[in-house]
Amino acid sequence: CGSDAVKGEFVYNDLDFCCVGCQSVYT
């Protein structure tokens, strides 16, 4: 989504996400 995120907090495929929701959509 482009929002601010903390590097390494929510990661999948070496990509950073701001929350588990965005990570889940990408997954």
PDB file of all heavy atoms in Angstrom:
ATOM      1  N   CYS A   1       0.792  -1.234   0.000  1.00  0.00           N
ATOM      2  CA  CYS A   1       0.000   0.000   0.000  1.00  0.00           C
ATOM      3  C   CYS A   1       0.823   1.284   0.000  1.00  0.00           C
ATOM      4  O   CYS A   1       0.280   2.359  -0.198  1.00  0.00           O
ATOM      5  CB  CYS A   1      -0.952   0.015   1.188  1.00  0.00           C
ATOM      6  SG  CYS A   1      -0.164   0.318   2.785  1.00  0.00           S
ATOM      7  N   GLY A   2       2.125   1.180   0.240  1.00  0.00           N
ATOM      8  CA  GLY A   2       2.972   2.365   0.221  1.00  0.00           C
ATOM      9  C   GLY A   2       3.048   3.119   1.533  1.00  0.00           C
ATOM     10  O   GLY A   2       3.770   4.100   1.648  1.00  0.00           O
ATOM     11  N   SER A   3       2.308   2.676   2.558  1.00  0.00           N
ATOM     12  CA  SER A   3       2.351   3.335   3.863  1.00  0.00           C
ATOM     13  C   SER A   3       3.706   3.108   4.522  1.00  0.00           C
ATOM     14  O   SER A   3       4.460   2.214   4.128  1.00  0.00           O
ATOM     15  CB  SER A   3       1.266   2.766   4.786  1.00  0.00           C
ATOM     16  OG  SER A   3      -0.014   3.065   4.289  1.00  0.00           O
ATOM     17  N   ASP A   4       3.988   3.902   5.548  1.00  0.00           N
ATOM     18  CA  ASP A   4       5.220   3.700   6.316  1.00  0.00           C
ATOM     19  C   ASP A   4       5.197   2.328   6.968  1.00  0.00           C
ATOM     20  O   ASP A   4       4.146   1.864   7.412  1.00  0.00           O
ATOM     21  CB  ASP A   4       5.353   4.755   7.418  1.00  0.00           C
ATOM     22  CG  ASP A   4       5.715   6.126   6.869  1.00  0.00           C
ATOM     23  OD1 ASP A   4       6.203   6.200   5.722  1.00  0.00           O
ATOM     24  OD2 ASP A   4       5.520   7.106   7.589  1.00  0.00           O
ATOM     25  N   ALA A   5       6.351   1.693   7.012  1.00  0.00           N
ATOM     26  CA  ALA A   5       6.495   0.378   7.635  1.00  0.00           C
ATOM     27  C   ALA A   5       7.842   0.317   8.331  1.00  0.00           C
ATOM     28  O   ALA A   5       8.746   1.098   8.022  1.00  0.00           O
ATOM     29  CB  ALA A   5       6.398  -0.721   6.570  1.00  0.00           C
ATOM     30  N   VAL A   6       7.962  -0.592   9.273  1.00  0.00           N
ATOM     31  CA  VAL A   6       9.225  -0.822   9.967  1.00  0.00           C
ATOM     32  C   VAL A   6       9.921  -1.976   9.259  1.00  0.00           C
ATOM     33  O   VAL A   6       9.353  -3.061   9.122  1.00  0.00           O
ATOM     34  CB  VAL A   6       8.998  -1.162  11.453  1.00  0.00           C
ATOM     35  CG1 VAL A   6      10.311  -1.496  12.128  1.00  0.00           C
ATOM     36  CG2 VAL A   6       8.302  -0.012  12.163  1.00  0.00           C
ATOM     37  N   LYS A   7      11.133  -1.731   8.811  1.00  0.00           N
ATOM     38  CA  LYS A   7      11.892  -2.755   8.089  1.00  0.00           C
ATOM     39  C   LYS A   7      12.029  -4.004   8.953  1.00  0.00           C
ATOM     40  O   LYS A   7      12.417  -3.940  10.098  1.00  0.00           O
ATOM     41  CB  LYS A   7      13.268  -2.239   7.706  1.00  0.00           C
ATOM     42  CG  LYS A   7      14.056  -3.244   6.861  1.00  0.00           C
ATOM     43  CD  LYS A   7      15.193  -2.562   6.162  1.00  0.00           C
ATOM     44  CE  LYS A   7      15.941  -3.504   5.263  1.00  0.00           C
ATOM     45  NZ  LYS A   7      15.140  -4.019   4.159  1.00  0.00           N
ATOM     46  N   GLY A   8      11.642  -5.138   8.403  1.00  0.00           N
ATOM     47  CA  GLY A   8      11.790  -6.423   9.074  1.00  0.00           C
ATOM     48  C   GLY A   8      10.651  -6.823   9.983  1.00  0.00           C
ATOM     49  O   GLY A   8      10.643  -7.921  10.513  1.00  0.00           O
ATOM     50  N   GLU A   9       9.640  -5.967  10.167  1.00  0.00           N
ATOM     51  CA  GLU A   9       8.540  -6.316  11.068  1.00  0.00           C
ATOM     52  C   GLU A   9       7.577  -7.314  10.427  1.00  0.00           C
ATOM     53  O   GLU A   9       7.227  -8.326  11.013  1.00  0.00           O
ATOM     54  CB  GLU A   9       7.794  -5.066  11.519  1.00  0.00           C
ATOM     55  CG  GLU A   9       6.775  -5.351  12.595  1.00  0.00           C
ATOM     56  CD  GLU A   9       6.203  -4.092  13.203  1.00  0.00           C
ATOM     57  OE1 GLU A   9       6.238  -3.020  12.572  1.00  0.00           O
ATOM     58  OE2 GLU A   9       5.707  -4.192  14.330  1.00  0.00           O
ATOM     59  N   PHE A  10       7.116  -7.021   9.228  1.00  0.00           N
ATOM     60  CA  PHE A  10       6.260  -7.933   8.458  1.00  0.00           C
ATOM     61  C   PHE A  10       6.947  -8.151   7.118  1.00  0.00           C
ATOM     62  O   PHE A  10       6.979  -7.245   6.278  1.00  0.00           O
ATOM     63  CB  PHE A  10       4.863  -7.338   8.240  1.00  0.00           C
ATOM     64  CG  PHE A  10       4.103  -7.087   9.506  1.00  0.00           C
ATOM     65  CD1 PHE A  10       4.061  -5.820  10.060  1.00  0.00           C
ATOM     66  CD2 PHE A  10       3.448  -8.119  10.162  1.00  0.00           C
ATOM     67  CE1 PHE A  10       3.370  -5.575  11.235  1.00  0.00           C
ATOM     68  CE2 PHE A  10       2.756  -7.889  11.339  1.00  0.00           C
ATOM     69  CZ  PHE A  10       2.722  -6.617  11.882  1.00  0.00           C
ATOM     70  N   VAL A  11       7.509  -9.329   6.913  1.00  0.00           N
ATOM     71  CA  VAL A  11       8.310  -9.608   5.719  1.00  0.00           C
ATOM     72  C   VAL A  11       7.823 -10.892   5.062  1.00  0.00           C
ATOM     73  O   VAL A  11       7.515 -11.873   5.729  1.00  0.00           O
ATOM     74  CB  VAL A  11       9.813  -9.754   6.082  1.00  0.00           C
ATOM     75  CG1 VAL A  11      10.640 -10.082   4.851  1.00  0.00           C
ATOM     76  CG2 VAL A  11      10.326  -8.505   6.766  1.00  0.00           C
ATOM     77  N   TYR A  12       7.765 -10.866   3.738  1.00  0.00           N
ATOM     78  CA  TYR A  12       7.462 -12.062   2.946  1.00  0.00           C
ATOM     79  C   TYR A  12       8.194 -11.901   1.627  1.00  0.00           C
ATOM     80  O   TYR A  12       8.138 -10.823   1.011  1.00  0.00           O
ATOM     81  CB  TYR A  12       5.948 -12.196   2.715  1.00  0.00           C
ATOM     82  CG  TYR A  12       5.562 -13.447   1.960  1.00  0.00           C
ATOM     83  CD1 TYR A  12       5.488 -14.673   2.611  1.00  0.00           C
ATOM     84  CD2 TYR A  12       5.282 -13.400   0.607  1.00  0.00           C
ATOM     85  CE1 TYR A  12       5.133 -15.826   1.923  1.00  0.00           C
ATOM     86  CE2 TYR A  12       4.929 -14.541  -0.100  1.00  0.00           C
ATOM     87  CZ  TYR A  12       4.861 -15.748   0.566  1.00  0.00           C
ATOM     88  OH  TYR A  12       4.522 -16.900  -0.110  1.00  0.00           O
ATOM     89  N   ASN A  13       8.888 -12.927   1.179  1.00  0.00           N
ATOM     90  CA  ASN A  13       9.683 -12.876  -0.062  1.00  0.00           C
ATOM     91  C   ASN A  13      10.644 -11.687  -0.063  1.00  0.00           C
ATOM     92  O   ASN A  13      10.805 -11.024  -1.079  1.00  0.00           O
ATOM     93  CB  ASN A  13       8.784 -12.812  -1.300  1.00  0.00           C
ATOM     94  CG  ASN A  13       8.164 -14.141  -1.641  1.00  0.00           C
ATOM     95  OD1 ASN A  13       8.524 -15.173  -1.088  1.00  0.00           O
ATOM     96  ND2 ASN A  13       7.214 -14.132  -2.542  1.00  0.00           N
ATOM     97  N   ASP A  14      11.236 -11.398   1.075  1.00  0.00           N
ATOM     98  CA  ASP A  14      12.181 -10.273   1.230  1.00  0.00           C
ATOM     99  C   ASP A  14      11.548  -8.916   0.965  1.00  0.00           C
ATOM    100  O   ASP A  14      12.237  -7.949   0.658  1.00  0.00           O
ATOM    101  CB  ASP A  14      13.419 -10.457   0.344  1.00  0.00           C
ATOM    102  CG  ASP A  14      14.265 -11.642   0.772  1.00  0.00           C
ATOM    103  OD1 ASP A  14      14.359 -11.890   1.990  1.00  0.00           O
ATOM    104  OD2 ASP A  14      14.827 -12.306  -0.106  1.00  0.00           O
ATOM    105  N   LEU A  15      10.240  -8.809   1.072  1.00  0.00           N
ATOM    106  CA  LEU A  15       9.526  -7.542   0.898  1.00  0.00           C
ATOM    107  C   LEU A  15       8.945  -7.130   2.242  1.00  0.00           C
ATOM    108  O   LEU A  15       8.491  -7.975   3.021  1.00  0.00           O
ATOM    109  CB  LEU A  15       8.399  -7.692  -0.126  1.00  0.00           C
ATOM    110  CG  LEU A  15       8.832  -8.117  -1.526  1.00  0.00           C
ATOM    111  CD1 LEU A  15       7.613  -8.445  -2.380  1.00  0.00           C
ATOM    112  CD2 LEU A  15       9.663  -7.014  -2.175  1.00  0.00           C
ATOM    113  N   ASP A  16       8.942  -5.833   2.515  1.00  0.00           N
ATOM    114  CA  ASP A  16       8.421  -5.315   3.777  1.00  0.00           C
ATOM    115  C   ASP A  16       6.987  -4.822   3.622  1.00  0.00           C
ATOM    116  O   ASP A  16       6.627  -4.232   2.598  1.00  0.00           O
ATOM    117  CB  ASP A  16       9.305  -4.157   4.267  1.00  0.00           C
ATOM    118  CG  ASP A  16      10.649  -4.645   4.754  1.00  0.00           C
ATOM    119  OD1 ASP A  16      10.672  -5.297   5.817  1.00  0.00           O
ATOM    120  OD2 ASP A  16      11.665  -4.389   4.084  1.00  0.00           O
ATOM    121  N   PHE A  17       6.184  -5.054   4.665  1.00  0.00           N
ATOM    122  CA  PHE A  17       4.782  -4.650   4.692  1.00  0.00           C
ATOM    123  C   PHE A  17       4.499  -3.919   5.991  1.00  0.00           C
ATOM    124  O   PHE A  17       5.162  -4.147   7.000  1.00  0.00           O
ATOM    125  CB  PHE A  17       3.873  -5.881   4.554  1.00  0.00           C
ATOM    126  CG  PHE A  17       4.114  -6.635   3.280  1.00  0.00           C
ATOM    127  CD1 PHE A  17       5.032  -7.670   3.228  1.00  0.00           C
ATOM    128  CD2 PHE A  17       3.446  -6.290   2.121  1.00  0.00           C
ATOM    129  CE1 PHE A  17       5.289  -8.353   2.045  1.00  0.00           C
ATOM    130  CE2 PHE A  17       3.690  -6.960   0.927  1.00  0.00           C
ATOM    131  CZ  PHE A  17       4.614  -7.997   0.890  1.00  0.00           C
ATOM    132  N   CYS A  18       3.472  -3.059   5.978  1.00  0.00           N
ATOM    133  CA  CYS A  18       3.144  -2.273   7.170  1.00  0.00           C
ATOM    134  C   CYS A  18       2.323  -3.063   8.177  1.00  0.00           C
ATOM    135  O   CYS A  18       2.298  -2.736   9.362  1.00  0.00           O
ATOM    136  CB  CYS A  18       2.411  -0.989   6.785  1.00  0.00           C
ATOM    137  SG  CYS A  18       0.790  -1.250   6.025  1.00  0.00           S
ATOM    138  N   CYS A  19       1.635  -4.106   7.721  1.00  0.00           N
ATOM    139  CA  CYS A  19       0.765  -4.878   8.615  1.00  0.00           C
ATOM    140  C   CYS A  19       0.557  -6.280   8.043  1.00  0.00           C
ATOM    141  O   CYS A  19       0.888  -6.550   6.882  1.00  0.00           O
ATOM    142  CB  CYS A  19      -0.585  -4.177   8.784  1.00  0.00           C
ATOM    143  SG  CYS A  19      -1.566  -4.096   7.265  1.00  0.00           S
ATOM    144  N   VAL A  20      -0.025  -7.128   8.867  1.00  0.00           N
ATOM    145  CA  VAL A  20      -0.276  -8.499   8.432  1.00  0.00           C
ATOM    146  C   VAL A  20      -1.332  -8.544   7.317  1.00  0.00           C
ATOM    147  O   VAL A  20      -1.324  -9.447   6.484  1.00  0.00           O
ATOM    148  CB  VAL A  20      -0.659  -9.405   9.631  1.00  0.00           C
ATOM    149  CG1 VAL A  20      -2.039  -9.077  10.146  1.00  0.00           C
ATOM    150  CG2 VAL A  20      -0.523 -10.864   9.286  1.00  0.00           C
ATOM    151  N   GLY A  21      -2.221  -7.552   7.265  1.00  0.00           N
ATOM    152  CA  GLY A  21      -3.230  -7.494   6.202  1.00  0.00           C
ATOM    153  C   GLY A  21      -2.601  -7.319   4.831  1.00  0.00           C
ATOM    154  O   GLY A  21      -2.911  -8.059   3.896  1.00  0.00           O
ATOM    155  N   CYS A  22      -1.702  -6.343   4.717  1.00  0.00           N
ATOM    156  CA  CYS A  22      -1.019  -6.121   3.436  1.00  0.00           C
ATOM    157  C   CYS A  22      -0.143  -7.320   3.068  1.00  0.00           C
ATOM    158  O   CYS A  22      -0.091  -7.724   1.908  1.00  0.00           O
ATOM    159  CB  CYS A  22      -0.173  -4.849   3.500  1.00  0.00           C
ATOM    160  SG  CYS A  22      -1.153  -3.329   3.422  1.00  0.00           S
ATOM    161  N   GLN A  23       0.507  -7.889   4.068  1.00  0.00           N
ATOM    162  CA  GLN A  23       1.332  -9.075   3.827  1.00  0.00           C
ATOM    163  C   GLN A  23       0.462 -10.224   3.327  1.00  0.00           C
ATOM    164  O   GLN A  23       0.834 -10.941   2.393  1.00  0.00           O
ATOM    165  CB  GLN A  23       2.064  -9.469   5.105  1.00  0.00           C
ATOM    166  CG  GLN A  23       2.955 -10.673   4.946  1.00  0.00           C
ATOM    167  CD  GLN A  23       3.589 -11.091   6.265  1.00  0.00           C
ATOM    168  OE1 GLN A  23       3.174 -10.665   7.334  1.00  0.00           O
ATOM    169  NE2 GLN A  23       4.592 -11.923   6.180  1.00  0.00           N
ATOM    170  N   SER A  24      -0.720 -10.380   3.910  1.00  0.00           N
ATOM    171  CA  SER A  24      -1.630 -11.460   3.512  1.00  0.00           C
ATOM    172  C   SER A  24      -2.137 -11.286   2.095  1.00  0.00           C
ATOM    173  O   SER A  24      -2.204 -12.251   1.323  1.00  0.00           O
ATOM    174  CB  SER A  24      -2.819 -11.529   4.479  1.00  0.00           C
ATOM    175  OG  SER A  24      -2.379 -11.872   5.766  1.00  0.00           O
ATOM    176  N   VAL A  25      -2.502 -10.050   1.736  1.00  0.00           N
ATOM    177  CA  VAL A  25      -2.976  -9.793   0.368  1.00  0.00           C
ATOM    178  C   VAL A  25      -1.871 -10.137  -0.626  1.00  0.00           C
ATOM    179  O   VAL A  25      -2.118 -10.825  -1.632  1.00  0.00           O
ATOM    180  CB  VAL A  25      -3.431  -8.327   0.190  1.00  0.00           C
ATOM    181  CG1 VAL A  25      -3.701  -8.024  -1.276  1.00  0.00           C
ATOM    182  CG2 VAL A  25      -4.668  -8.052   1.027  1.00  0.00           C
ATOM    183  N   TYR A  26      -0.644  -9.691  -0.351  1.00  0.00           N
ATOM    184  CA  TYR A  26       0.467 -10.005  -1.244  1.00  0.00           C
ATOM    185  C   TYR A  26       0.682 -11.523  -1.326  1.00  0.00           C
ATOM    186  O   TYR A  26       0.890 -12.065  -2.420  1.00  0.00           O
ATOM    187  CB  TYR A  26       1.766  -9.330  -0.792  1.00  0.00           C
ATOM    188  CG  TYR A  26       2.932  -9.764  -1.640  1.00  0.00           C
ATOM    189  CD1 TYR A  26       3.186  -9.148  -2.853  1.00  0.00           C
ATOM    190  CD2 TYR A  26       3.743 -10.834  -1.260  1.00  0.00           C
ATOM    191  CE1 TYR A  26       4.227  -9.570  -3.663  1.00  0.00           C
ATOM    192  CE2 TYR A  26       4.787 -11.267  -2.055  1.00  0.00           C
ATOM    193  CZ  TYR A  26       5.025 -10.632  -3.256  1.00  0.00           C
ATOM    194  OH  TYR A  26       6.050 -11.065  -4.056  1.00  0.00           O
ATOM    195  N   THR A  27       0.610 -12.209  -0.192  1.00  0.00           N
ATOM    196  CA  THR A  27       0.817 -13.657  -0.165  1.00  0.00           C
ATOM    197  C   THR A  27      -0.212 -14.360  -1.045  1.00  0.00           C
ATOM    198  O   THR A  27       0.126 -15.270  -1.810  1.00  0.00           O
ATOM    199  CB  THR A  27       0.732 -14.188   1.280  1.00  0.00           C
ATOM    200  OG1 THR A  27       1.715 -13.530   2.073  1.00  0.00           O
ATOM    201  CG2 THR A  27       0.969 -15.686   1.340  1.00  0.00           C
TER     202      THR A  27
END
